[in-house]
Amino acid sequence: MRHPLALMTGLLAASMAWASTPAPAPAAKGDPAKAQVIVDKVCGACHGADGNSTSPTYPNLAGQHPEYLNKQLNEFKSGARRNAIMAPNVTNLSDDDMLNLAAFFSAQQPKSRLAKDPELVAQGEKLYKGGNAGSGVPACASCHGPAGSGIPVQFPRLAGQHAKYVLSQLKNFRSADRANDGGKMMQVIARKLTDAEMKAVAEYVSGLR
């Protein structure tokens, strides 16, 4: 049996490896004002007029890093990220449209949310902050930050995201239905997570601010 110190050292090394993944080049800046018409006619129906979705099925976009949003829109359009709802909605978006939308939603104020299950929150907090040395899962905080704010350009904001949406994305990464993560980082991590761990960490991040 490995000494606890050795396990934690290995976990720290894994976390640093995930966090050292090269970041993509910053995207050009968009104009939030020019996105308003598209938000009103298309995006707001699912994601909310201010990027705070009222349905746990659809992600909150308010306060998300613009580089991340722009990347996702481009990959929905190219097919690198598959989604039956998003695909037809991005078909006619230009590069400027996507930059403008990314700028618009990143500038919105995310609303604070409360996690619903205290027991799951406690379990999720341990995984989020410390990972799982036994299964080789690095701490989520090593990439997404201790408060879930993410790292601009490289890793998305998770704080206040709907637990149901986070859980669905973790499962999609595990099954490779979602495969647009650079270096397949999230696919590797998700395959090491149990269903219970996914549910717990999703609940925990939903209450982060």
N, C-alpha and C. Protein backbone atom coordinates (compact mmCIF):
# COMPACT_ATOMS: atom_id res chain seq x y z
N MET A 1 0.85 -1.21 0.00
CA MET A 1 0.00 0.00 0.00
C MET A 1 0.88 1.25 0.00
N ARG A 2 0.59 2.21 -0.87
CA ARG A 2 1.39 3.41 -0.99
C ARG A 2 1.18 4.34 0.21
N HIS A 3 2.25 5.00 0.62
CA HIS A 3 2.17 5.96 1.72
C HIS A 3 1.29 7.13 1.29
N PRO A 4 0.45 7.67 2.20
CA PRO A 4 -0.43 8.80 1.85
C PRO A 4 0.31 9.97 1.24
N LEU A 5 1.54 10.25 1.74
CA LEU A 5 2.30 11.37 1.20
C LEU A 5 2.65 11.13 -0.26
N ALA A 6 2.98 9.88 -0.59
CA ALA A 6 3.32 9.55 -1.97
C ALA A 6 2.11 9.70 -2.87
N LEU A 7 0.93 9.31 -2.35
CA LEU A 7 -0.29 9.45 -3.13
C LEU A 7 -0.59 10.91 -3.42
N MET A 8 -0.45 11.76 -2.40
CA MET A 8 -0.75 13.17 -2.59
C MET A 8 0.26 13.84 -3.51
N THR A 9 1.53 13.39 -3.44
CA THR A 9 2.55 13.94 -4.32
C THR A 9 2.23 13.60 -5.77
N GLY A 10 1.80 12.35 -5.98
CA GLY A 10 1.42 11.94 -7.34
C GLY A 10 0.23 12.71 -7.84
N LEU A 11 -0.74 12.96 -6.96
CA LEU A 11 -1.93 13.71 -7.34
C LEU A 11 -1.58 15.14 -7.71
N LEU A 12 -0.67 15.75 -6.92
CA LEU A 12 -0.26 17.12 -7.21
C LEU A 12 0.43 17.20 -8.56
N ALA A 13 1.25 16.21 -8.86
CA ALA A 13 1.95 16.18 -10.15
C ALA A 13 0.96 16.07 -11.30
N ALA A 14 -0.07 15.24 -11.10
CA ALA A 14 -1.08 15.09 -12.15
C ALA A 14 -1.83 16.39 -12.36
N SER A 15 -2.18 17.06 -11.26
CA SER A 15 -2.90 18.33 -11.35
C SER A 15 -2.08 19.37 -12.10
N MET A 16 -0.77 19.42 -11.82
CA MET A 16 0.09 20.38 -12.48
C MET A 16 0.21 20.06 -13.97
N ALA A 17 0.17 18.79 -14.30
CA ALA A 17 0.25 18.40 -15.70
C ALA A 17 -0.97 18.86 -16.46
N TRP A 18 -2.17 18.68 -15.86
CA TRP A 18 -3.39 19.14 -16.52
C TRP A 18 -3.34 20.66 -16.68
N ALA A 19 -2.90 21.36 -15.65
CA ALA A 19 -2.92 22.82 -15.67
C ALA A 19 -1.90 23.41 -16.62
N SER A 20 -0.86 22.61 -16.99
CA SER A 20 0.19 23.15 -17.84
C SER A 20 -0.11 22.96 -19.32
N THR A 21 -1.30 22.47 -19.67
CA THR A 21 -1.67 22.33 -21.07
C THR A 21 -1.58 23.68 -21.77
N PRO A 22 -0.90 23.74 -22.93
CA PRO A 22 -0.75 25.03 -23.62
C PRO A 22 -2.08 25.71 -23.88
N ALA A 23 -2.14 27.00 -23.64
CA ALA A 23 -3.37 27.76 -23.84
C ALA A 23 -3.48 28.21 -25.29
N PRO A 24 -4.70 28.25 -25.83
CA PRO A 24 -4.88 28.75 -27.19
C PRO A 24 -4.65 30.24 -27.23
N ALA A 25 -4.40 30.76 -28.41
CA ALA A 25 -4.18 32.19 -28.56
C ALA A 25 -5.46 32.94 -28.24
N PRO A 26 -5.36 34.10 -27.57
CA PRO A 26 -6.55 34.89 -27.25
C PRO A 26 -7.31 35.29 -28.51
N ALA A 27 -8.63 35.26 -28.43
CA ALA A 27 -9.44 35.62 -29.58
C ALA A 27 -9.52 37.14 -29.71
N ALA A 28 -9.80 37.60 -30.92
CA ALA A 28 -10.02 39.03 -31.12
C ALA A 28 -11.25 39.45 -30.34
N LYS A 29 -11.33 40.72 -29.98
CA LYS A 29 -12.45 41.20 -29.17
C LYS A 29 -13.66 41.54 -30.03
N GLY A 30 -14.84 41.20 -29.52
CA GLY A 30 -16.07 41.50 -30.22
C GLY A 30 -16.75 42.74 -29.65
N ASP A 31 -17.87 43.09 -30.24
CA ASP A 31 -18.65 44.26 -29.83
C ASP A 31 -19.97 43.78 -29.23
N PRO A 32 -20.14 43.88 -27.91
CA PRO A 32 -21.36 43.38 -27.26
C PRO A 32 -22.64 43.98 -27.84
N ALA A 33 -22.61 45.26 -28.18
CA ALA A 33 -23.81 45.94 -28.68
C ALA A 33 -24.32 45.32 -29.97
N LYS A 34 -23.40 44.85 -30.80
CA LYS A 34 -23.78 44.28 -32.09
C LYS A 34 -24.39 42.88 -31.95
N ALA A 35 -24.28 42.29 -30.75
CA ALA A 35 -24.83 40.96 -30.53
C ALA A 35 -26.28 41.00 -30.06
N GLN A 36 -26.77 42.17 -29.67
CA GLN A 36 -28.07 42.27 -29.00
C GLN A 36 -29.21 41.68 -29.82
N VAL A 37 -29.24 41.94 -31.12
CA VAL A 37 -30.32 41.43 -31.97
C VAL A 37 -30.34 39.91 -31.99
N ILE A 38 -29.15 39.30 -32.08
CA ILE A 38 -29.07 37.83 -32.11
C ILE A 38 -29.47 37.25 -30.77
N VAL A 39 -29.06 37.91 -29.70
CA VAL A 39 -29.43 37.45 -28.36
C VAL A 39 -30.95 37.48 -28.20
N ASP A 40 -31.57 38.57 -28.63
CA ASP A 40 -33.01 38.73 -28.49
C ASP A 40 -33.79 37.72 -29.34
N LYS A 41 -33.30 37.44 -30.53
CA LYS A 41 -34.04 36.58 -31.45
C LYS A 41 -33.72 35.08 -31.29
N VAL A 42 -32.51 34.78 -30.82
CA VAL A 42 -32.10 33.37 -30.80
C VAL A 42 -31.65 32.90 -29.41
N CYS A 43 -30.55 33.44 -28.93
CA CYS A 43 -29.89 32.90 -27.75
C CYS A 43 -30.70 33.00 -26.46
N GLY A 44 -31.39 34.12 -26.30
CA GLY A 44 -32.09 34.39 -25.05
C GLY A 44 -33.14 33.37 -24.69
N ALA A 45 -33.71 32.71 -25.67
CA ALA A 45 -34.78 31.74 -25.42
C ALA A 45 -34.32 30.60 -24.52
N CYS A 46 -33.06 30.20 -24.66
CA CYS A 46 -32.54 29.10 -23.86
C CYS A 46 -31.59 29.58 -22.76
N HIS A 47 -30.76 30.55 -23.09
CA HIS A 47 -29.70 30.97 -22.17
C HIS A 47 -30.06 32.20 -21.33
N GLY A 48 -31.24 32.77 -21.58
CA GLY A 48 -31.66 33.96 -20.85
C GLY A 48 -31.17 35.22 -21.53
N ALA A 49 -31.94 36.26 -21.42
CA ALA A 49 -31.59 37.54 -22.06
C ALA A 49 -30.28 38.10 -21.54
N ASP A 50 -29.93 37.73 -20.30
CA ASP A 50 -28.68 38.22 -19.71
C ASP A 50 -27.68 37.10 -19.48
N GLY A 51 -27.90 35.97 -20.14
CA GLY A 51 -26.97 34.86 -20.02
C GLY A 51 -27.18 33.98 -18.80
N ASN A 52 -28.21 34.28 -18.00
CA ASN A 52 -28.53 33.45 -16.84
C ASN A 52 -29.73 32.58 -17.18
N SER A 53 -29.44 31.34 -17.53
CA SER A 53 -30.50 30.43 -17.96
C SER A 53 -31.41 30.05 -16.80
N THR A 54 -32.71 29.99 -17.08
CA THR A 54 -33.66 29.59 -16.05
C THR A 54 -33.93 28.09 -16.10
N SER A 55 -33.41 27.41 -17.11
CA SER A 55 -33.58 25.97 -17.24
C SER A 55 -32.25 25.26 -16.96
N PRO A 56 -32.24 24.26 -16.08
CA PRO A 56 -30.99 23.56 -15.77
C PRO A 56 -30.44 22.75 -16.94
N THR A 57 -31.23 22.63 -17.99
CA THR A 57 -30.78 21.90 -19.18
C THR A 57 -29.78 22.72 -19.98
N TYR A 58 -29.95 24.04 -19.93
CA TYR A 58 -29.12 24.93 -20.74
C TYR A 58 -28.13 25.68 -19.85
N PRO A 59 -26.89 25.81 -20.29
CA PRO A 59 -25.87 26.44 -19.44
C PRO A 59 -26.03 27.93 -19.28
N ASN A 60 -25.59 28.42 -18.12
CA ASN A 60 -25.45 29.85 -17.92
C ASN A 60 -24.23 30.31 -18.70
N LEU A 61 -24.37 31.43 -19.40
CA LEU A 61 -23.26 31.98 -20.17
C LEU A 61 -22.73 33.27 -19.57
N ALA A 62 -23.49 33.88 -18.68
CA ALA A 62 -23.09 35.15 -18.08
C ALA A 62 -21.76 35.02 -17.34
N GLY A 63 -20.83 35.92 -17.66
CA GLY A 63 -19.55 35.93 -16.97
C GLY A 63 -18.55 34.90 -17.45
N GLN A 64 -18.94 34.09 -18.45
CA GLN A 64 -18.01 33.10 -18.99
C GLN A 64 -16.93 33.81 -19.80
N HIS A 65 -15.74 33.24 -19.85
CA HIS A 65 -14.64 33.86 -20.57
C HIS A 65 -14.97 33.96 -22.07
N PRO A 66 -14.75 35.12 -22.68
CA PRO A 66 -15.11 35.29 -24.09
C PRO A 66 -14.37 34.34 -25.02
N GLU A 67 -13.11 34.03 -24.70
CA GLU A 67 -12.34 33.13 -25.54
C GLU A 67 -12.97 31.74 -25.56
N TYR A 68 -13.44 31.31 -24.39
CA TYR A 68 -14.07 30.00 -24.29
C TYR A 68 -15.39 29.99 -25.07
N LEU A 69 -16.20 31.03 -24.91
CA LEU A 69 -17.47 31.11 -25.61
C LEU A 69 -17.27 31.12 -27.11
N ASN A 70 -16.31 31.90 -27.57
CA ASN A 70 -16.04 31.97 -29.00
C ASN A 70 -15.59 30.63 -29.55
N LYS A 71 -14.76 29.95 -28.80
CA LYS A 71 -14.28 28.62 -29.20
C LYS A 71 -15.44 27.64 -29.33
N GLN A 72 -16.34 27.64 -28.34
CA GLN A 72 -17.46 26.70 -28.37
C GLN A 72 -18.39 26.99 -29.56
N LEU A 73 -18.67 28.25 -29.81
CA LEU A 73 -19.53 28.61 -30.94
C LEU A 73 -18.92 28.15 -32.26
N ASN A 74 -17.63 28.38 -32.42
CA ASN A 74 -16.95 27.95 -33.64
C ASN A 74 -16.97 26.43 -33.79
N GLU A 75 -16.86 25.74 -32.68
CA GLU A 75 -16.81 24.28 -32.76
C GLU A 75 -18.20 23.67 -32.89
N PHE A 76 -19.24 24.35 -32.41
CA PHE A 76 -20.60 23.92 -32.73
C PHE A 76 -20.82 24.05 -34.24
N LYS A 77 -20.33 25.14 -34.80
CA LYS A 77 -20.53 25.39 -36.22
C LYS A 77 -19.74 24.41 -37.09
N SER A 78 -18.52 24.09 -36.68
CA SER A 78 -17.68 23.19 -37.47
C SER A 78 -18.05 21.73 -37.28
N GLY A 79 -18.76 21.44 -36.20
CA GLY A 79 -19.11 20.06 -35.90
C GLY A 79 -18.14 19.39 -34.94
N ALA A 80 -17.11 20.11 -34.53
CA ALA A 80 -16.15 19.55 -33.59
C ALA A 80 -16.83 19.26 -32.24
N ARG A 81 -17.85 20.07 -31.93
CA ARG A 81 -18.70 19.80 -30.77
C ARG A 81 -20.11 19.61 -31.29
N ARG A 82 -20.66 18.45 -31.01
CA ARG A 82 -21.96 18.09 -31.58
C ARG A 82 -23.10 18.39 -30.61
N ASN A 83 -24.13 19.06 -31.12
CA ASN A 83 -25.32 19.32 -30.32
C ASN A 83 -26.46 19.63 -31.27
N ALA A 84 -27.53 18.86 -31.17
CA ALA A 84 -28.65 18.99 -32.12
C ALA A 84 -29.36 20.33 -32.01
N ILE A 85 -29.34 20.94 -30.85
CA ILE A 85 -30.00 22.24 -30.68
C ILE A 85 -29.11 23.37 -31.16
N MET A 86 -27.83 23.31 -30.81
CA MET A 86 -26.93 24.40 -31.17
C MET A 86 -26.58 24.42 -32.66
N ALA A 87 -26.46 23.27 -33.26
CA ALA A 87 -26.01 23.20 -34.66
C ALA A 87 -26.79 24.12 -35.60
N PRO A 88 -28.12 24.03 -35.64
CA PRO A 88 -28.85 24.90 -36.56
C PRO A 88 -28.82 26.37 -36.18
N ASN A 89 -28.58 26.65 -34.90
CA ASN A 89 -28.57 28.05 -34.45
C ASN A 89 -27.27 28.78 -34.75
N VAL A 90 -26.22 28.04 -35.02
CA VAL A 90 -24.94 28.69 -35.33
C VAL A 90 -24.61 28.66 -36.81
N THR A 91 -25.39 27.96 -37.58
CA THR A 91 -25.09 27.78 -39.01
C THR A 91 -24.83 29.08 -39.74
N ASN A 92 -25.66 30.08 -39.48
CA ASN A 92 -25.55 31.34 -40.22
C ASN A 92 -24.77 32.43 -39.48
N LEU A 93 -24.14 32.06 -38.39
CA LEU A 93 -23.35 33.06 -37.66
C LEU A 93 -22.00 33.28 -38.35
N SER A 94 -21.63 34.54 -38.49
CA SER A 94 -20.32 34.87 -39.05
C SER A 94 -19.28 34.85 -37.93
N ASP A 95 -18.02 34.94 -38.30
CA ASP A 95 -16.96 35.00 -37.29
C ASP A 95 -17.17 36.21 -36.37
N ASP A 96 -17.56 37.33 -36.96
CA ASP A 96 -17.81 38.53 -36.16
C ASP A 96 -19.01 38.34 -35.22
N ASP A 97 -20.05 37.67 -35.71
CA ASP A 97 -21.22 37.40 -34.88
C ASP A 97 -20.81 36.63 -33.62
N MET A 98 -19.98 35.63 -33.81
CA MET A 98 -19.57 34.79 -32.68
C MET A 98 -18.69 35.56 -31.70
N LEU A 99 -17.82 36.38 -32.23
CA LEU A 99 -17.00 37.23 -31.35
C LEU A 99 -17.88 38.20 -30.57
N ASN A 100 -18.87 38.76 -31.23
CA ASN A 100 -19.77 39.71 -30.58
C ASN A 100 -20.61 39.03 -29.50
N LEU A 101 -21.10 37.84 -29.79
CA LEU A 101 -21.88 37.10 -28.80
C LEU A 101 -21.02 36.74 -27.58
N ALA A 102 -19.80 36.32 -27.85
CA ALA A 102 -18.89 35.97 -26.76
C ALA A 102 -18.63 37.20 -25.88
N ALA A 103 -18.45 38.35 -26.51
CA ALA A 103 -18.22 39.58 -25.75
C ALA A 103 -19.45 39.97 -24.96
N PHE A 104 -20.63 39.79 -25.56
CA PHE A 104 -21.88 40.16 -24.88
C PHE A 104 -22.09 39.33 -23.61
N PHE A 105 -22.03 38.01 -23.74
CA PHE A 105 -22.34 37.16 -22.59
C PHE A 105 -21.25 37.24 -21.52
N SER A 106 -20.01 37.42 -21.92
CA SER A 106 -18.95 37.52 -20.92
C SER A 106 -19.10 38.78 -20.07
N ALA A 107 -19.74 39.79 -20.64
CA ALA A 107 -19.91 41.06 -19.93
C ALA A 107 -21.12 41.06 -18.99
N GLN A 108 -21.95 40.03 -19.05
CA GLN A 108 -23.13 39.97 -18.20
C GLN A 108 -22.78 39.50 -16.79
N GLN A 109 -23.58 39.89 -15.84
CA GLN A 109 -23.34 39.54 -14.44
C GLN A 109 -23.97 38.20 -14.09
N PRO A 110 -23.17 37.20 -13.73
CA PRO A 110 -23.75 35.91 -13.35
C PRO A 110 -24.49 36.00 -12.02
N LYS A 111 -25.61 35.31 -11.93
CA LYS A 111 -26.38 35.33 -10.69
C LYS A 111 -25.88 34.26 -9.73
N SER A 112 -25.87 34.58 -8.46
CA SER A 112 -25.46 33.62 -7.44
C SER A 112 -26.55 32.56 -7.29
N ARG A 113 -26.12 31.34 -7.10
CA ARG A 113 -27.06 30.23 -6.92
C ARG A 113 -26.66 29.43 -5.69
N LEU A 114 -27.61 28.72 -5.15
CA LEU A 114 -27.36 27.88 -3.99
C LEU A 114 -27.44 26.41 -4.38
N ALA A 115 -26.46 25.65 -3.93
CA ALA A 115 -26.53 24.21 -4.14
C ALA A 115 -27.68 23.66 -3.29
N LYS A 116 -28.29 22.57 -3.75
CA LYS A 116 -29.50 22.07 -3.10
C LYS A 116 -29.28 20.94 -2.10
N ASP A 117 -28.20 20.19 -2.26
CA ASP A 117 -28.01 18.99 -1.43
C ASP A 117 -26.72 19.13 -0.60
N PRO A 118 -26.80 19.44 0.68
CA PRO A 118 -25.62 19.64 1.53
C PRO A 118 -24.68 18.43 1.56
N GLU A 119 -25.24 17.24 1.57
CA GLU A 119 -24.41 16.03 1.63
C GLU A 119 -23.58 15.89 0.35
N LEU A 120 -24.22 16.13 -0.80
CA LEU A 120 -23.50 16.06 -2.06
C LEU A 120 -22.45 17.16 -2.15
N VAL A 121 -22.79 18.33 -1.64
CA VAL A 121 -21.85 19.45 -1.65
C VAL A 121 -20.57 19.09 -0.89
N ALA A 122 -20.72 18.47 0.26
CA ALA A 122 -19.57 18.08 1.08
C ALA A 122 -18.69 17.08 0.33
N GLN A 123 -19.33 16.12 -0.32
CA GLN A 123 -18.59 15.12 -1.09
C GLN A 123 -17.90 15.76 -2.29
N GLY A 124 -18.63 16.64 -2.96
CA GLY A 124 -18.10 17.29 -4.14
C GLY A 124 -16.95 18.23 -3.82
N GLU A 125 -17.02 18.88 -2.68
CA GLU A 125 -15.96 19.80 -2.28
C GLU A 125 -14.63 19.07 -2.13
N LYS A 126 -14.67 17.89 -1.54
CA LYS A 126 -13.45 17.10 -1.35
C LYS A 126 -12.82 16.76 -2.69
N LEU A 127 -13.63 16.37 -3.64
CA LEU A 127 -13.13 16.00 -4.96
C LEU A 127 -12.64 17.23 -5.72
N TYR A 128 -13.41 18.30 -5.63
CA TYR A 128 -13.07 19.52 -6.37
C TYR A 128 -11.74 20.09 -5.87
N LYS A 129 -11.54 20.09 -4.56
CA LYS A 129 -10.35 20.71 -3.99
C LYS A 129 -9.15 19.75 -3.90
N GLY A 130 -9.45 18.46 -3.72
CA GLY A 130 -8.35 17.53 -3.49
C GLY A 130 -8.22 16.39 -4.46
N GLY A 131 -9.18 16.23 -5.36
CA GLY A 131 -9.13 15.13 -6.31
C GLY A 131 -9.33 13.78 -5.63
N ASN A 132 -8.96 12.72 -6.31
CA ASN A 132 -9.06 11.37 -5.77
C ASN A 132 -7.75 10.67 -6.08
N ALA A 133 -6.88 10.58 -5.07
CA ALA A 133 -5.57 9.98 -5.27
C ALA A 133 -5.66 8.52 -5.69
N GLY A 134 -6.66 7.83 -5.17
CA GLY A 134 -6.79 6.41 -5.46
C GLY A 134 -7.09 6.11 -6.92
N SER A 135 -7.88 6.95 -7.56
CA SER A 135 -8.25 6.71 -8.96
C SER A 135 -7.50 7.62 -9.94
N GLY A 136 -6.64 8.47 -9.39
CA GLY A 136 -5.84 9.33 -10.26
C GLY A 136 -6.57 10.53 -10.81
N VAL A 137 -7.62 10.98 -10.12
CA VAL A 137 -8.37 12.16 -10.56
C VAL A 137 -7.75 13.40 -9.93
N PRO A 138 -7.28 14.36 -10.73
CA PRO A 138 -6.70 15.58 -10.17
C PRO A 138 -7.78 16.49 -9.61
N ALA A 139 -7.39 17.40 -8.76
CA ALA A 139 -8.33 18.37 -8.20
C ALA A 139 -8.87 19.27 -9.30
N CYS A 140 -10.18 19.42 -9.34
CA CYS A 140 -10.80 20.30 -10.34
C CYS A 140 -10.29 21.72 -10.21
N ALA A 141 -10.00 22.12 -8.95
CA ALA A 141 -9.55 23.48 -8.67
C ALA A 141 -8.23 23.80 -9.34
N SER A 142 -7.44 22.79 -9.68
CA SER A 142 -6.13 23.04 -10.27
C SER A 142 -6.25 23.68 -11.65
N CYS A 143 -7.38 23.47 -12.31
CA CYS A 143 -7.61 24.08 -13.63
C CYS A 143 -8.72 25.13 -13.59
N HIS A 144 -9.76 24.87 -12.83
CA HIS A 144 -10.93 25.75 -12.82
C HIS A 144 -10.91 26.76 -11.68
N GLY A 145 -9.86 26.71 -10.85
CA GLY A 145 -9.71 27.68 -9.79
C GLY A 145 -10.46 27.29 -8.53
N PRO A 146 -9.99 27.71 -7.36
CA PRO A 146 -10.62 27.34 -6.09
C PRO A 146 -12.06 27.83 -5.96
N ALA A 147 -12.40 28.93 -6.64
CA ALA A 147 -13.77 29.45 -6.57
C ALA A 147 -14.54 29.17 -7.85
N GLY A 148 -13.96 28.35 -8.74
CA GLY A 148 -14.66 27.99 -9.98
C GLY A 148 -14.65 29.07 -11.03
N SER A 149 -13.75 30.05 -10.89
CA SER A 149 -13.72 31.15 -11.85
C SER A 149 -12.98 30.81 -13.13
N GLY A 150 -12.31 29.66 -13.15
CA GLY A 150 -11.60 29.24 -14.34
C GLY A 150 -10.35 30.05 -14.59
N ILE A 151 -9.71 29.79 -15.72
CA ILE A 151 -8.52 30.53 -16.12
C ILE A 151 -8.81 31.08 -17.51
N PRO A 152 -8.87 32.40 -17.66
CA PRO A 152 -9.19 32.98 -18.97
C PRO A 152 -8.37 32.37 -20.11
N VAL A 153 -9.02 32.21 -21.24
CA VAL A 153 -8.48 31.60 -22.45
C VAL A 153 -8.42 30.09 -22.35
N GLN A 154 -7.94 29.55 -21.22
CA GLN A 154 -7.64 28.14 -21.16
C GLN A 154 -8.76 27.27 -20.57
N PHE A 155 -9.28 27.64 -19.39
CA PHE A 155 -10.26 26.79 -18.73
C PHE A 155 -11.51 27.59 -18.36
N PRO A 156 -12.70 27.04 -18.58
CA PRO A 156 -13.95 27.79 -18.39
C PRO A 156 -14.33 27.99 -16.92
N ARG A 157 -15.13 29.02 -16.73
CA ARG A 157 -15.75 29.28 -15.44
C ARG A 157 -16.81 28.21 -15.17
N LEU A 158 -16.83 27.68 -13.94
CA LEU A 158 -17.83 26.69 -13.55
C LEU A 158 -18.75 27.20 -12.44
N ALA A 159 -18.33 28.23 -11.75
CA ALA A 159 -19.09 28.73 -10.60
C ALA A 159 -20.52 29.09 -10.97
N GLY A 160 -21.47 28.54 -10.21
CA GLY A 160 -22.87 28.86 -10.41
C GLY A 160 -23.52 28.18 -11.60
N GLN A 161 -22.79 27.27 -12.24
CA GLN A 161 -23.38 26.57 -13.38
C GLN A 161 -24.41 25.55 -12.89
N HIS A 162 -25.44 25.31 -13.68
CA HIS A 162 -26.47 24.34 -13.29
C HIS A 162 -25.86 22.95 -13.08
N ALA A 163 -26.19 22.33 -11.95
CA ALA A 163 -25.65 21.00 -11.66
C ALA A 163 -26.06 19.99 -12.73
N LYS A 164 -27.28 20.09 -13.21
CA LYS A 164 -27.75 19.15 -14.22
C LYS A 164 -26.93 19.29 -15.50
N TYR A 165 -26.60 20.51 -15.88
CA TYR A 165 -25.82 20.72 -17.09
C TYR A 165 -24.39 20.21 -16.91
N VAL A 166 -23.76 20.51 -15.77
CA VAL A 166 -22.40 20.04 -15.51
C VAL A 166 -22.36 18.52 -15.55
N LEU A 167 -23.33 17.88 -14.92
CA LEU A 167 -23.38 16.43 -14.90
C LEU A 167 -23.51 15.87 -16.32
N SER A 168 -24.34 16.49 -17.13
CA SER A 168 -24.52 16.01 -18.51
C SER A 168 -23.23 16.12 -19.30
N GLN A 169 -22.47 17.20 -19.08
CA GLN A 169 -21.22 17.37 -19.82
C GLN A 169 -20.14 16.40 -19.37
N LEU A 170 -20.09 16.11 -18.08
CA LEU A 170 -19.14 15.11 -17.59
C LEU A 170 -19.44 13.74 -18.20
N LYS A 171 -20.70 13.41 -18.29
CA LYS A 171 -21.08 12.13 -18.91
C LYS A 171 -20.77 12.12 -20.40
N ASN A 172 -20.95 13.26 -21.05
CA ASN A 172 -20.64 13.36 -22.47
C ASN A 172 -19.14 13.22 -22.72
N PHE A 173 -18.35 13.79 -21.84
CA PHE A 173 -16.90 13.63 -21.97
C PHE A 173 -16.52 12.16 -21.79
N ARG A 174 -17.12 11.52 -20.80
CA ARG A 174 -16.78 10.13 -20.52
C ARG A 174 -17.13 9.22 -21.70
N SER A 175 -18.25 9.48 -22.35
CA SER A 175 -18.67 8.64 -23.48
C SER A 175 -18.05 9.08 -24.80
N ALA A 176 -17.34 10.22 -24.77
CA ALA A 176 -16.73 10.82 -25.97
C ALA A 176 -17.78 11.41 -26.90
N ASP A 177 -19.02 11.56 -26.43
CA ASP A 177 -20.01 12.30 -27.22
C ASP A 177 -19.57 13.75 -27.33
N ARG A 178 -18.84 14.21 -26.33
CA ARG A 178 -18.21 15.52 -26.42
C ARG A 178 -16.71 15.30 -26.47
N ALA A 179 -16.09 15.73 -27.54
CA ALA A 179 -14.67 15.44 -27.74
C ALA A 179 -13.89 16.66 -28.20
N ASN A 180 -14.34 17.85 -27.80
CA ASN A 180 -13.66 19.06 -28.26
C ASN A 180 -12.77 19.67 -27.18
N ASP A 181 -12.38 18.85 -26.21
CA ASP A 181 -11.46 19.32 -25.17
C ASP A 181 -10.03 19.12 -25.67
N GLY A 182 -9.23 20.14 -25.60
CA GLY A 182 -7.87 20.06 -26.08
C GLY A 182 -7.07 18.96 -25.39
N GLY A 183 -6.46 18.09 -26.17
CA GLY A 183 -5.67 17.01 -25.61
C GLY A 183 -6.48 15.92 -24.95
N LYS A 184 -7.80 15.97 -25.11
CA LYS A 184 -8.71 14.98 -24.52
C LYS A 184 -8.60 14.93 -23.00
N MET A 185 -8.20 16.03 -22.40
CA MET A 185 -8.01 16.10 -20.96
C MET A 185 -9.24 15.69 -20.17
N MET A 186 -10.38 16.30 -20.52
CA MET A 186 -11.60 16.01 -19.76
C MET A 186 -12.13 14.61 -20.02
N GLN A 187 -11.88 14.08 -21.20
CA GLN A 187 -12.30 12.70 -21.46
C GLN A 187 -11.56 11.74 -20.54
N VAL A 188 -10.25 11.95 -20.40
CA VAL A 188 -9.44 11.09 -19.55
C VAL A 188 -9.91 11.18 -18.09
N ILE A 189 -10.14 12.40 -17.63
CA ILE A 189 -10.57 12.59 -16.24
C ILE A 189 -11.95 11.99 -16.01
N ALA A 190 -12.87 12.25 -16.93
CA ALA A 190 -14.26 11.80 -16.75
C ALA A 190 -14.35 10.27 -16.69
N ARG A 191 -13.49 9.59 -17.41
CA ARG A 191 -13.52 8.12 -17.41
C ARG A 191 -13.09 7.55 -16.07
N LYS A 192 -12.43 8.36 -15.25
CA LYS A 192 -11.99 7.91 -13.93
C LYS A 192 -12.99 8.26 -12.83
N LEU A 193 -13.99 9.04 -13.18
CA LEU A 193 -14.99 9.45 -12.20
C LEU A 193 -16.15 8.46 -12.15
N THR A 194 -16.63 8.19 -10.95
CA THR A 194 -17.83 7.38 -10.81
C THR A 194 -19.05 8.27 -11.02
N ASP A 195 -20.22 7.66 -11.23
CA ASP A 195 -21.44 8.44 -11.36
C ASP A 195 -21.69 9.28 -10.11
N ALA A 196 -21.42 8.70 -8.96
CA ALA A 196 -21.63 9.41 -7.69
C ALA A 196 -20.71 10.61 -7.58
N GLU A 197 -19.45 10.46 -8.01
CA GLU A 197 -18.50 11.57 -7.96
C GLU A 197 -18.92 12.69 -8.91
N MET A 198 -19.37 12.31 -10.08
CA MET A 198 -19.84 13.32 -11.04
C MET A 198 -21.00 14.12 -10.47
N LYS A 199 -21.94 13.43 -9.88
CA LYS A 199 -23.11 14.09 -9.32
C LYS A 199 -22.71 15.02 -8.18
N ALA A 200 -21.77 14.58 -7.36
CA ALA A 200 -21.35 15.37 -6.20
C ALA A 200 -20.61 16.64 -6.62
N VAL A 201 -19.68 16.51 -7.54
CA VAL A 201 -18.90 17.69 -7.95
C VAL A 201 -19.77 18.67 -8.73
N ALA A 202 -20.73 18.14 -9.48
CA ALA A 202 -21.66 19.02 -10.21
C ALA A 202 -22.50 19.83 -9.24
N GLU A 203 -22.94 19.19 -8.16
CA GLU A 203 -23.72 19.90 -7.14
C GLU A 203 -22.87 20.95 -6.46
N TYR A 204 -21.63 20.61 -6.18
CA TYR A 204 -20.73 21.56 -5.49
C TYR A 204 -20.49 22.82 -6.31
N VAL A 205 -20.15 22.67 -7.58
CA VAL A 205 -19.82 23.85 -8.39
C VAL A 205 -21.04 24.74 -8.61
N SER A 206 -22.23 24.15 -8.54
CA SER A 206 -23.43 24.95 -8.76
C SER A 206 -23.59 26.02 -7.69
N GLY A 207 -22.98 25.82 -6.53
CA GLY A 207 -23.10 26.78 -5.44
C GLY A 207 -21.89 27.68 -5.28
N LEU A 208 -20.88 27.51 -6.12
CA LEU A 208 -19.71 28.37 -6.03
C LEU A 208 -20.01 29.78 -6.53
N ARG A 209 -19.30 30.77 -6.04
CA ARG A 209 -19.53 32.16 -6.43
C ARG A 209 -18.21 32.85 -6.74
